[in-house]
């Protein structure tokens, strides 16, 4: 689930933190990196828990209305199709989600108001009302309702960003990437899998975990060599005019260019140019692109990189 786009961002953040705190403890940096990636995997499960929590909130509301002293006919006979949603029932019974929450317990209990507000938005939504108008619903209808809700309501709720930022410093940067994997997981659910429907693993394979550790190590251990390379092409720039984040981005990019010959040069350059657009100044992407292009040509001539 944790892809290399997210890994590159995390390495940049950990490296930035090391310089800000003036520490060069590689072991601590590695531990911080793996902790931050674990938090991203937590967010994936946090998202998957939300349909269950919203459904439980609706169940409490239904029972509360039935228990009124003078319930209306609507209170006594509410529409319970949302409570009978087969996808949510399967998700709630999922053994992998249950096990993860046992090992790393967290909940939405502190955000009951947010959950109730989300429920109100869902009950008023076009997707939900179209769902109610169906004469009968299939498992696919149940699952697609929640995929629609997650994509078009939950992920578009501004308050979600504030809540996640309060929960973890790492999560705001993760929302777009991790929510896309939560959506992918919902789409993959099938009734045949029952409670053992597989969730996405933390890493697709061992190579991604190794990529994360090696990229961080290469970036930290060879900082002088990489800075010397960059300096060759920034002689006409006063050092204080070069954004510190740009230097870190180029430092990590050079580490990847040299240490990972299997990754195409174009992929590496595009990834770090995109990171510069998001994490540095308005002009950073063009600056980083120009310097790295020159660096690539130089490294090729020196046979330090032999890939295309």
C-alpha atoms as a PDB file:
ATOM      1  CA  UNK A   1       0.000   0.000   0.000  1.00  0.00           C
ATOM      2  CA  UNK A   2       2.813   2.406   0.849  1.00  0.00           C
ATOM      3  CA  UNK A   3       4.175   3.286  -2.581  1.00  0.00           C
ATOM      4  CA  UNK A   4       7.442   4.902  -3.571  1.00  0.00           C
ATOM      5  CA  UNK A   5       5.853   8.309  -4.059  1.00  0.00           C
ATOM      6  CA  UNK A   6       5.016   8.390  -0.362  1.00  0.00           C
ATOM      7  CA  UNK A   7       8.399   6.909   0.579  1.00  0.00           C
ATOM      8  CA  UNK A   8      10.264   9.702  -1.242  1.00  0.00           C
ATOM      9  CA  UNK A   9       8.187  12.337   0.547  1.00  0.00           C
ATOM     10  CA  UNK A  10       8.828  10.699   3.913  1.00  0.00           C
ATOM     11  CA  UNK A  11      12.589  10.514   3.323  1.00  0.00           C
ATOM     12  CA  UNK A  12      12.565  14.229   2.481  1.00  0.00           C
ATOM     13  CA  UNK A  13      10.624  15.030   5.650  1.00  0.00           C
ATOM     14  CA  UNK A  14      12.884  12.920   7.862  1.00  0.00           C
ATOM     15  CA  UNK A  15      16.007  14.458   6.323  1.00  0.00           C
ATOM     16  CA  UNK A  16      14.583  17.964   6.795  1.00  0.00           C
ATOM     17  CA  UNK A  17      13.845  17.149  10.432  1.00  0.00           C
ATOM     18  CA  UNK A  18      17.407  15.903  10.957  1.00  0.00           C
ATOM     19  CA  UNK A  19      18.870  19.158   9.678  1.00  0.00           C
ATOM     20  CA  UNK A  20      16.408  21.278  11.628  1.00  0.00           C
ATOM     21  CA  UNK A  21      17.328  19.510  14.873  1.00  0.00           C
ATOM     22  CA  UNK A  22      21.001  19.336  13.878  1.00  0.00           C
ATOM     23  CA  UNK A  23      21.186  15.578  14.419  1.00  0.00           C
ATOM     24  CA  UNK A  24      22.827  13.010  12.145  1.00  0.00           C
ATOM     25  CA  UNK A  25      21.833   9.849  14.022  1.00  0.00           C
ATOM     26  CA  UNK A  26      21.201   7.392  11.181  1.00  0.00           C
ATOM     27  CA  UNK A  27      19.580   4.752  13.373  1.00  0.00           C
ATOM     28  CA  UNK A  28      17.161   7.275  14.842  1.00  0.00           C
ATOM     29  CA  UNK A  29      16.376   8.584  11.354  1.00  0.00           C
ATOM     30  CA  UNK A  30      15.634   5.039  10.157  1.00  0.00           C
ATOM     31  CA  UNK A  31      13.354   4.438  13.144  1.00  0.00           C
ATOM     32  CA  UNK A  32      11.578   7.746  12.514  1.00  0.00           C
ATOM     33  CA  UNK A  33      11.113   6.831   8.857  1.00  0.00           C
ATOM     34  CA  UNK A  34       9.572   3.449   9.615  1.00  0.00           C
ATOM     35  CA  UNK A  35       7.388   4.996  12.342  1.00  0.00           C
ATOM     36  CA  UNK A  36       6.077   7.591   9.882  1.00  0.00           C
ATOM     37  CA  UNK A  37       5.318   4.921   7.277  1.00  0.00           C
ATOM     38  CA  UNK A  38       3.536   2.846   9.910  1.00  0.00           C
ATOM     39  CA  UNK A  39       1.394   5.904  10.671  1.00  0.00           C
ATOM     40  CA  UNK A  40       0.439   6.034   7.007  1.00  0.00           C
ATOM     41  CA  UNK A  41      -0.701   2.430   7.232  1.00  0.00           C
ATOM     42  CA  UNK A  42      -2.652   3.361  10.367  1.00  0.00           C
ATOM     43  CA  UNK A  43      -4.485   6.008   8.355  1.00  0.00           C
ATOM     44  CA  UNK A  44      -5.490   3.384   5.791  1.00  0.00           C
ATOM     45  CA  UNK A  45      -7.206   1.383   8.550  1.00  0.00           C
ATOM     46  CA  UNK A  46      -8.596   4.555  10.116  1.00  0.00           C
ATOM     47  CA  UNK A  47     -10.334   5.289   6.818  1.00  0.00           C
ATOM     48  CA  UNK A  48     -11.690   1.735   6.531  1.00  0.00           C
ATOM     49  CA  UNK A  49     -13.108   2.006  10.042  1.00  0.00           C
ATOM     50  CA  UNK A  50     -15.153   5.093   9.169  1.00  0.00           C
ATOM     51  CA  UNK A  51     -18.078   3.393   7.290  1.00  0.00           C
ATOM     52  CA  UNK A  52     -18.529   1.110  10.301  1.00  0.00           C
ATOM     53  CA  UNK A  53     -18.540   4.030  12.738  1.00  0.00           C
ATOM     54  CA  UNK A  54     -20.981   6.057  10.631  1.00  0.00           C
ATOM     55  CA  UNK A  55     -23.338   3.080  10.388  1.00  0.00           C
ATOM     56  CA  UNK A  56     -23.173   2.566  14.152  1.00  0.00           C
ATOM     57  CA  UNK A  57     -23.983   6.249  14.635  1.00  0.00           C
ATOM     58  CA  UNK A  58     -27.068   5.818  12.466  1.00  0.00           C
ATOM     59  CA  UNK A  59     -28.103   2.763  14.483  1.00  0.00           C
ATOM     60  CA  UNK A  60     -27.887   4.786  17.712  1.00  0.00           C
ATOM     61  CA  UNK A  61     -29.989   7.511  16.106  1.00  0.00           C
ATOM     62  CA  UNK A  62     -32.646   5.048  14.954  1.00  0.00           C
ATOM     63  CA  UNK A  63     -32.904   3.420  18.391  1.00  0.00           C
ATOM     64  CA  UNK A  64     -33.029   6.808  20.089  1.00  0.00           C
ATOM     65  CA  UNK A  65     -35.950   7.907  17.944  1.00  0.00           C
ATOM     66  CA  UNK A  66     -37.798   4.659  18.575  1.00  0.00           C
ATOM     67  CA  UNK A  67     -37.373   5.228  22.305  1.00  0.00           C
ATOM     68  CA  UNK A  68     -39.006   8.672  22.260  1.00  0.00           C
ATOM     69  CA  UNK A  69     -41.894   9.207  24.645  1.00  0.00           C
ATOM     70  CA  UNK A  70     -44.123  10.096  21.707  1.00  0.00           C
ATOM     71  CA  UNK A  71     -42.462   8.647  18.623  1.00  0.00           C
ATOM     72  CA  UNK A  72     -43.828   9.535  15.209  1.00  0.00           C
ATOM     73  CA  UNK A  73     -44.693   6.910  12.647  1.00  0.00           C
ATOM     74  CA  UNK A  74     -41.394   7.663  10.942  1.00  0.00           C
ATOM     75  CA  UNK A  75     -39.580   7.209  14.260  1.00  0.00           C
ATOM     76  CA  UNK A  76     -41.235   3.828  14.803  1.00  0.00           C
ATOM     77  CA  UNK A  77     -40.655   2.655  11.225  1.00  0.00           C
ATOM     78  CA  UNK A  78     -37.388   4.176  10.016  1.00  0.00           C
ATOM     79  CA  UNK A  79     -35.674   3.137   6.806  1.00  0.00           C
ATOM     80  CA  UNK A  80     -33.037   0.654   7.954  1.00  0.00           C
ATOM     81  CA  UNK A  81     -31.486  -0.141   4.580  1.00  0.00           C
ATOM     82  CA  UNK A  82     -28.254   1.580   5.636  1.00  0.00           C
ATOM     83  CA  UNK A  83     -28.116  -0.649   8.732  1.00  0.00           C
ATOM     84  CA  UNK A  84     -28.556  -3.727   6.559  1.00  0.00           C
ATOM     85  CA  UNK A  85     -25.738  -2.767   4.186  1.00  0.00           C
ATOM     86  CA  UNK A  86     -23.940  -6.007   3.374  1.00  0.00           C
ATOM     87  CA  UNK A  87     -20.639  -4.365   2.510  1.00  0.00           C
ATOM     88  CA  UNK A  88     -20.394  -2.660   5.925  1.00  0.00           C
ATOM     89  CA  UNK A  89     -21.345  -5.903   7.678  1.00  0.00           C
ATOM     90  CA  UNK A  90     -18.551  -7.686   5.836  1.00  0.00           C
ATOM     91  CA  UNK A  91     -16.086  -4.887   6.587  1.00  0.00           C
ATOM     92  CA  UNK A  92     -16.985  -4.949  10.284  1.00  0.00           C
ATOM     93  CA  UNK A  93     -16.379  -8.710  10.412  1.00  0.00           C
ATOM     94  CA  UNK A  94     -13.082  -8.504   8.519  1.00  0.00           C
ATOM     95  CA  UNK A  95     -10.503 -10.488  10.481  1.00  0.00           C
ATOM     96  CA  UNK A  96      -7.559  -8.433   9.215  1.00  0.00           C
ATOM     97  CA  UNK A  97      -9.122  -5.125  10.195  1.00  0.00           C
ATOM     98  CA  UNK A  98     -10.098  -6.516  13.598  1.00  0.00           C
ATOM     99  CA  UNK A  99      -6.585  -7.868  14.191  1.00  0.00           C
ATOM    100  CA  UNK A 100      -4.965  -4.587  13.212  1.00  0.00           C
ATOM    101  CA  UNK A 101      -7.219  -2.626  15.553  1.00  0.00           C
ATOM    102  CA  UNK A 102      -6.406  -5.042  18.361  1.00  0.00           C
ATOM    103  CA  UNK A 103      -2.679  -4.567  17.813  1.00  0.00           C
ATOM    104  CA  UNK A 104      -2.844  -0.809  17.208  1.00  0.00           C
ATOM    105  CA  UNK A 105      -6.070   0.415  18.842  1.00  0.00           C
ATOM    106  CA  UNK A 106      -7.517   3.725  17.696  1.00  0.00           C
ATOM    107  CA  UNK A 107     -11.057   4.963  17.145  1.00  0.00           C
ATOM    108  CA  UNK A 108     -13.246   7.862  16.051  1.00  0.00           C
ATOM    109  CA  UNK A 109     -14.772   8.231  19.546  1.00  0.00           C
ATOM    110  CA  UNK A 110     -13.265  11.664  20.118  1.00  0.00           C
ATOM    111  CA  UNK A 111     -14.840  12.910  16.909  1.00  0.00           C
ATOM    112  CA  UNK A 112     -18.485  11.992  17.469  1.00  0.00           C
ATOM    113  CA  UNK A 113     -19.713  15.388  16.278  1.00  0.00           C
ATOM    114  CA  UNK A 114     -17.778  15.029  13.051  1.00  0.00           C
ATOM    115  CA  UNK A 115     -19.214  11.538  12.525  1.00  0.00           C
ATOM    116  CA  UNK A 116     -22.761  12.748  13.176  1.00  0.00           C
ATOM    117  CA  UNK A 117     -22.309  15.649  10.772  1.00  0.00           C
ATOM    118  CA  UNK A 118     -20.997  13.265   8.146  1.00  0.00           C
ATOM    119  CA  UNK A 119     -24.029  11.065   8.690  1.00  0.00           C
ATOM    120  CA  UNK A 120     -26.345  14.060   8.193  1.00  0.00           C
ATOM    121  CA  UNK A 121     -24.565  14.923   4.941  1.00  0.00           C
ATOM    122  CA  UNK A 122     -24.826  11.334   3.740  1.00  0.00           C
ATOM    123  CA  UNK A 123     -28.548  11.091   4.542  1.00  0.00           C
ATOM    124  CA  UNK A 124     -29.177  14.233   2.504  1.00  0.00           C
ATOM    125  CA  UNK A 125     -26.988  13.189  -0.410  1.00  0.00           C
ATOM    126  CA  UNK A 126     -28.134  12.304  -3.903  1.00  0.00           C
ATOM    127  CA  UNK A 127     -26.236   9.006  -3.740  1.00  0.00           C
ATOM    128  CA  UNK A 128     -28.038   7.888  -0.586  1.00  0.00           C
ATOM    129  CA  UNK A 129     -31.486   8.922  -1.814  1.00  0.00           C
ATOM    130  CA  UNK A 130     -30.938   7.126  -5.123  1.00  0.00           C
ATOM    131  CA  UNK A 131     -29.950   4.090  -3.076  1.00  0.00           C
ATOM    132  CA  UNK A 132     -33.212   4.292  -1.099  1.00  0.00           C
ATOM    133  CA  UNK A 133     -35.309   4.551  -4.256  1.00  0.00           C
ATOM    134  CA  UNK A 134     -34.156   1.157  -5.534  1.00  0.00           C
ATOM    135  CA  UNK A 135     -36.793  -1.550  -5.207  1.00  0.00           C
ATOM    136  CA  UNK A 136     -34.105  -3.859  -3.863  1.00  0.00           C
ATOM    137  CA  UNK A 137     -30.353  -3.660  -3.466  1.00  0.00           C
ATOM    138  CA  UNK A 138     -27.569  -6.087  -4.286  1.00  0.00           C
ATOM    139  CA  UNK A 139     -24.208  -6.483  -2.608  1.00  0.00           C
ATOM    140  CA  UNK A 140     -22.713  -4.401  -5.425  1.00  0.00           C
ATOM    141  CA  UNK A 141     -25.217  -1.616  -4.693  1.00  0.00           C
ATOM    142  CA  UNK A 142     -24.237  -1.695  -1.019  1.00  0.00           C
ATOM    143  CA  UNK A 143     -20.530  -1.554  -1.787  1.00  0.00           C
ATOM    144  CA  UNK A 144     -20.814   1.125  -4.484  1.00  0.00           C
ATOM    145  CA  UNK A 145     -22.860   3.345  -2.194  1.00  0.00           C
ATOM    146  CA  UNK A 146     -19.967   3.469   0.246  1.00  0.00           C
ATOM    147  CA  UNK A 147     -17.397   3.941  -2.496  1.00  0.00           C
ATOM    148  CA  UNK A 148     -19.407   6.931  -3.693  1.00  0.00           C
ATOM    149  CA  UNK A 149     -19.768   8.269  -0.140  1.00  0.00           C
ATOM    150  CA  UNK A 150     -16.077   7.869   0.584  1.00  0.00           C
ATOM    151  CA  UNK A 151     -14.948   9.502  -2.648  1.00  0.00           C
ATOM    152  CA  UNK A 152     -17.452  12.346  -2.949  1.00  0.00           C
ATOM    153  CA  UNK A 153     -18.434  13.129   0.637  1.00  0.00           C
ATOM    154  CA  UNK A 154     -15.850  11.934   3.148  1.00  0.00           C
ATOM    155  CA  UNK A 155     -12.749  12.902   1.158  1.00  0.00           C
ATOM    156  CA  UNK A 156     -14.281  16.252   0.213  1.00  0.00           C
ATOM    157  CA  UNK A 157     -15.035  17.246   3.810  1.00  0.00           C
ATOM    158  CA  UNK A 158     -12.684  20.053   4.883  1.00  0.00           C
ATOM    159  CA  UNK A 159     -13.028  19.221   8.559  1.00  0.00           C
ATOM    160  CA  UNK A 160     -11.460  15.832   7.873  1.00  0.00           C
ATOM    161  CA  UNK A 161      -8.121  17.515   7.185  1.00  0.00           C
ATOM    162  CA  UNK A 162      -8.204  19.370  10.504  1.00  0.00           C
ATOM    163  CA  UNK A 163      -9.032  16.193  12.408  1.00  0.00           C
ATOM    164  CA  UNK A 164      -6.282  14.163  10.763  1.00  0.00           C
ATOM    165  CA  UNK A 165      -3.721  16.898  11.337  1.00  0.00           C
ATOM    166  CA  UNK A 166      -4.588  16.855  15.041  1.00  0.00           C
ATOM    167  CA  UNK A 167      -4.331  13.057  15.155  1.00  0.00           C
ATOM    168  CA  UNK A 168      -0.943  12.834  13.449  1.00  0.00           C
ATOM    169  CA  UNK A 169       1.558  15.293  11.972  1.00  0.00           C
ATOM    170  CA  UNK A 170       2.074  12.883   9.086  1.00  0.00           C
ATOM    171  CA  UNK A 171      -1.507  12.355   8.007  1.00  0.00           C
ATOM    172  CA  UNK A 172      -2.317  15.553   6.123  1.00  0.00           C
ATOM    173  CA  UNK A 173       0.367  14.753   3.541  1.00  0.00           C
ATOM    174  CA  UNK A 174      -1.041  11.237   3.247  1.00  0.00           C
ATOM    175  CA  UNK A 175      -4.729  11.903   2.649  1.00  0.00           C
ATOM    176  CA  UNK A 176      -4.799  11.846  -1.151  1.00  0.00           C
ATOM    177  CA  UNK A 177      -2.524   8.827  -1.508  1.00  0.00           C
ATOM    178  CA  UNK A 178      -3.972   6.754   1.331  1.00  0.00           C
ATOM    179  CA  UNK A 179      -7.604   7.565   0.484  1.00  0.00           C
ATOM    180  CA  UNK A 180      -6.972   6.298  -3.064  1.00  0.00           C
ATOM    181  CA  UNK A 181      -5.859   2.967  -1.595  1.00  0.00           C
ATOM    182  CA  UNK A 182      -8.894   2.837   0.695  1.00  0.00           C
ATOM    183  CA  UNK A 183     -11.094   3.344  -2.380  1.00  0.00           C
ATOM    184  CA  UNK A 184      -9.187   0.625  -4.206  1.00  0.00           C
ATOM    185  CA  UNK A 185      -9.762  -1.713  -1.275  1.00  0.00           C
ATOM    186  CA  UNK A 186     -13.511  -1.022  -1.170  1.00  0.00           C
ATOM    187  CA  UNK A 187     -13.736  -1.745  -4.894  1.00  0.00           C
ATOM    188  CA  UNK A 188     -11.959  -5.089  -4.404  1.00  0.00           C
ATOM    189  CA  UNK A 189     -14.390  -6.357  -1.768  1.00  0.00           C
ATOM    190  CA  UNK A 190     -16.505  -9.324  -2.868  1.00  0.00           C
ATOM    191  CA  UNK A 191     -19.132 -11.316  -0.947  1.00  0.00           C
ATOM    192  CA  UNK A 192     -17.331 -14.574  -1.719  1.00  0.00           C
ATOM    193  CA  UNK A 193     -14.329 -13.532   0.388  1.00  0.00           C
ATOM    194  CA  UNK A 194     -16.467 -13.097   3.511  1.00  0.00           C
ATOM    195  CA  UNK A 195     -14.653 -12.054   6.664  1.00  0.00           C
ATOM    196  CA  UNK A 196     -11.277 -12.973   5.145  1.00  0.00           C
ATOM    197  CA  UNK A 197     -11.339 -10.392   2.385  1.00  0.00           C
ATOM    198  CA  UNK A 198      -7.688  -9.380   2.024  1.00  0.00           C
ATOM    199  CA  UNK A 199      -6.646  -5.826   2.779  1.00  0.00           C
ATOM    200  CA  UNK A 200      -3.630  -4.176   1.199  1.00  0.00           C
ATOM    201  CA  UNK A 201      -0.288  -5.044   2.837  1.00  0.00           C
ATOM    202  CA  UNK A 202       1.844  -2.258   4.278  1.00  0.00           C
ATOM    203  CA  UNK A 203       4.412  -2.769   1.512  1.00  0.00           C
ATOM    204  CA  UNK A 204       3.664  -4.367  -1.835  1.00  0.00           C
ATOM    205  CA  UNK A 205       6.824  -6.440  -1.399  1.00  0.00           C
ATOM    206  CA  UNK A 206      10.088  -6.411   0.536  1.00  0.00           C
ATOM    207  CA  UNK A 207      11.811  -4.331  -2.165  1.00  0.00           C
ATOM    208  CA  UNK A 208       9.765  -1.227  -1.280  1.00  0.00           C
ATOM    209  CA  UNK A 209      10.789  -1.438   2.370  1.00  0.00           C
ATOM    210  CA  UNK A 210      14.410  -1.885   1.307  1.00  0.00           C
ATOM    211  CA  UNK A 211      14.038   1.082  -1.049  1.00  0.00           C
ATOM    212  CA  UNK A 212      12.918   3.294   1.844  1.00  0.00           C
ATOM    213  CA  UNK A 213      15.824   2.373   4.131  1.00  0.00           C
ATOM    214  CA  UNK A 214      18.465   2.485   1.403  1.00  0.00           C
ATOM    215  CA  UNK A 215      17.292   5.831   0.010  1.00  0.00           C
ATOM    216  CA  UNK A 216      17.495   7.393   3.466  1.00  0.00           C
ATOM    217  CA  UNK A 217      20.927   5.897   4.176  1.00  0.00           C
ATOM    218  CA  UNK A 218      22.402   6.946   0.830  1.00  0.00           C
ATOM    219  CA  UNK A 219      21.010  10.464   1.228  1.00  0.00           C
ATOM    220  CA  UNK A 220      22.457  10.872   4.734  1.00  0.00           C
ATOM    221  CA  UNK A 221      25.797   9.094   4.373  1.00  0.00           C
ATOM    222  CA  UNK A 222      26.859  10.696   1.102  1.00  0.00           C
ATOM    223  CA  UNK A 223      25.666  14.223   1.732  1.00  0.00           C
ATOM    224  CA  UNK A 224      29.081  15.857   1.094  1.00  0.00           C
ATOM    225  CA  UNK A 225      29.607  14.049  -2.207  1.00  0.00           C
ATOM    226  CA  UNK A 226      26.123  14.947  -3.432  1.00  0.00           C
ATOM    227  CA  UNK A 227      26.425  18.568  -2.301  1.00  0.00           C
ATOM    228  CA  UNK A 228      29.756  18.820  -4.168  1.00  0.00           C
ATOM    229  CA  UNK A 229      28.013  17.612  -7.336  1.00  0.00           C
ATOM    230  CA  UNK A 230      25.230  20.166  -6.906  1.00  0.00           C
ATOM    231  CA  UNK A 231      27.733  22.962  -6.193  1.00  0.00           C
ATOM    232  CA  UNK A 232      29.312  22.478  -9.631  1.00  0.00           C
ATOM    233  CA  UNK A 233      26.090  23.657 -11.243  1.00  0.00           C
ATOM    234  CA  UNK A 234      25.081  26.348  -8.760  1.00  0.00           C
ATOM    235  CA  UNK A 235      28.287  28.403  -8.783  1.00  0.00           C
ATOM    236  CA  UNK A 236      26.459  31.425 -10.123  1.00  0.00           C
ATOM    237  CA  UNK A 237      23.932  31.225  -7.304  1.00  0.00           C
ATOM    238  CA  UNK A 238      24.535  32.645  -3.870  1.00  0.00           C
ATOM    239  CA  UNK A 239      23.981  29.804  -1.408  1.00  0.00           C
ATOM    240  CA  UNK A 240      21.435  31.772   0.612  1.00  0.00           C
ATOM    241  CA  UNK A 241      19.347  32.288  -2.541  1.00  0.00           C
ATOM    242  CA  UNK A 242      18.925  28.530  -3.017  1.00  0.00           C
ATOM    243  CA  UNK A 243      15.975  27.213  -1.035  1.00  0.00           C
ATOM    244  CA  UNK A 244      17.150  24.738   1.586  1.00  0.00           C
ATOM    245  CA  UNK A 245      14.348  22.374   0.574  1.00  0.00           C
ATOM    246  CA  UNK A 246      15.586  22.457  -3.037  1.00  0.00           C
ATOM    247  CA  UNK A 247      19.013  21.329  -1.868  1.00  0.00           C
ATOM    248  CA  UNK A 248      17.514  18.426   0.066  1.00  0.00           C
ATOM    249  CA  UNK A 249      15.322  17.394  -2.858  1.00  0.00           C
ATOM    250  CA  UNK A 250      18.286  17.358  -5.242  1.00  0.00           C
ATOM    251  CA  UNK A 251      20.430  15.544  -2.683  1.00  0.00           C
ATOM    252  CA  UNK A 252      17.890  12.716  -2.400  1.00  0.00           C
ATOM    253  CA  UNK A 253      17.326  12.654  -6.175  1.00  0.00           C
ATOM    254  CA  UNK A 254      21.062  12.155  -6.795  1.00  0.00           C
ATOM    255  CA  UNK A 255      21.121   9.382  -4.199  1.00  0.00           C
ATOM    256  CA  UNK A 256      18.330   7.629  -6.100  1.00  0.00           C
ATOM    257  CA  UNK A 257      19.967   8.185  -9.500  1.00  0.00           C
ATOM    258  CA  UNK A 258      23.208   6.564  -8.328  1.00  0.00           C
ATOM    259  CA  UNK A 259      21.976   3.904  -5.892  1.00  0.00           C
ATOM    260  CA  UNK A 260      18.996   2.535  -7.848  1.00  0.00           C
ATOM    261  CA  UNK A 261      20.052   1.657 -11.414  1.00  0.00           C
ATOM    262  CA  UNK A 262      16.796  -0.231 -12.050  1.00  0.00           C
ATOM    263  CA  UNK A 263      14.690   2.952 -11.748  1.00  0.00           C
ATOM    264  CA  UNK A 264      14.528   4.875 -15.059  1.00  0.00           C
ATOM    265  CA  UNK A 265      16.083   8.342 -14.948  1.00  0.00           C
ATOM    266  CA  UNK A 266      12.887   9.943 -16.245  1.00  0.00           C
ATOM    267  CA  UNK A 267      10.892   8.417 -13.376  1.00  0.00           C
ATOM    268  CA  UNK A 268      13.327   9.721 -10.758  1.00  0.00           C
ATOM    269  CA  UNK A 269      13.455  13.228 -12.257  1.00  0.00           C
ATOM    270  CA  UNK A 270       9.679  13.487 -12.620  1.00  0.00           C
ATOM    271  CA  UNK A 271       9.107  12.352  -9.034  1.00  0.00           C
ATOM    272  CA  UNK A 272      11.441  14.911  -7.499  1.00  0.00           C
ATOM    273  CA  UNK A 273      10.251  17.741  -9.747  1.00  0.00           C
ATOM    274  CA  UNK A 274       6.704  16.994  -8.538  1.00  0.00           C
ATOM    275  CA  UNK A 275       7.928  16.974  -4.942  1.00  0.00           C
ATOM    276  CA  UNK A 276       9.573  20.369  -5.517  1.00  0.00           C
ATOM    277  CA  UNK A 277       6.261  21.747  -6.799  1.00  0.00           C
ATOM    278  CA  UNK A 278       4.484  20.645  -3.621  1.00  0.00           C
ATOM    279  CA  UNK A 279       7.106  21.159  -0.931  1.00  0.00           C
ATOM    280  CA  UNK A 280       9.288  24.074  -1.996  1.00  0.00           C
ATOM    281  CA  UNK A 281       8.934  27.485  -3.684  1.00  0.00           C
ATOM    282  CA  UNK A 282       6.953  28.475  -6.778  1.00  0.00           C
ATOM    283  CA  UNK A 283      10.103  28.484  -8.942  1.00  0.00           C
ATOM    284  CA  UNK A 284      11.653  25.374  -7.446  1.00  0.00           C
ATOM    285  CA  UNK A 285      10.424  22.839 -10.004  1.00  0.00           C
ATOM    286  CA  UNK A 286      12.154  24.582 -12.908  1.00  0.00           C
ATOM    287  CA  UNK A 287      15.316  25.168 -10.902  1.00  0.00           C
ATOM    288  CA  UNK A 288      15.523  21.569  -9.660  1.00  0.00           C
ATOM    289  CA  UNK A 289      14.774  20.272 -13.165  1.00  0.00           C
ATOM    290  CA  UNK A 290      17.578  22.331 -14.728  1.00  0.00           C
ATOM    291  CA  UNK A 291      20.199  21.360 -12.149  1.00  0.00           C
ATOM    292  CA  UNK A 292      19.301  17.671 -12.176  1.00  0.00           C
ATOM    293  CA  UNK A 293      19.399  17.537 -15.985  1.00  0.00           C
ATOM    294  CA  UNK A 294      22.974  18.836 -15.885  1.00  0.00           C
ATOM    295  CA  UNK A 295      23.860  16.454 -13.058  1.00  0.00           C
ATOM    296  CA  UNK A 296      22.493  13.465 -14.994  1.00  0.00           C
ATOM    297  CA  UNK A 297      24.626  14.302 -18.050  1.00  0.00           C
ATOM    298  CA  UNK A 298      27.714  14.633 -15.854  1.00  0.00           C
ATOM    299  CA  UNK A 299      27.058  11.359 -14.017  1.00  0.00           C
ATOM    300  CA  UNK A 300      26.548   9.548 -17.319  1.00  0.00           C
ATOM    301  CA  UNK A 301      29.904  10.821 -18.616  1.00  0.00           C
ATOM    302  CA  UNK A 302      31.571   9.589 -15.443  1.00  0.00           C
ATOM    303  CA  UNK A 303      29.773   6.219 -15.749  1.00  0.00           C
ATOM    304  CA  UNK A 304      28.275   6.718 -12.306  1.00  0.00           C
ATOM    305  CA  UNK A 305      24.872   5.990 -13.801  1.00  0.00           C
ATOM    306  CA  UNK A 306      24.427   3.699 -16.790  1.00  0.00           C
ATOM    307  CA  UNK A 307      20.666   3.570 -17.070  1.00  0.00           C
ATOM    308  CA  UNK A 308      18.293   5.381 -19.432  1.00  0.00           C
END
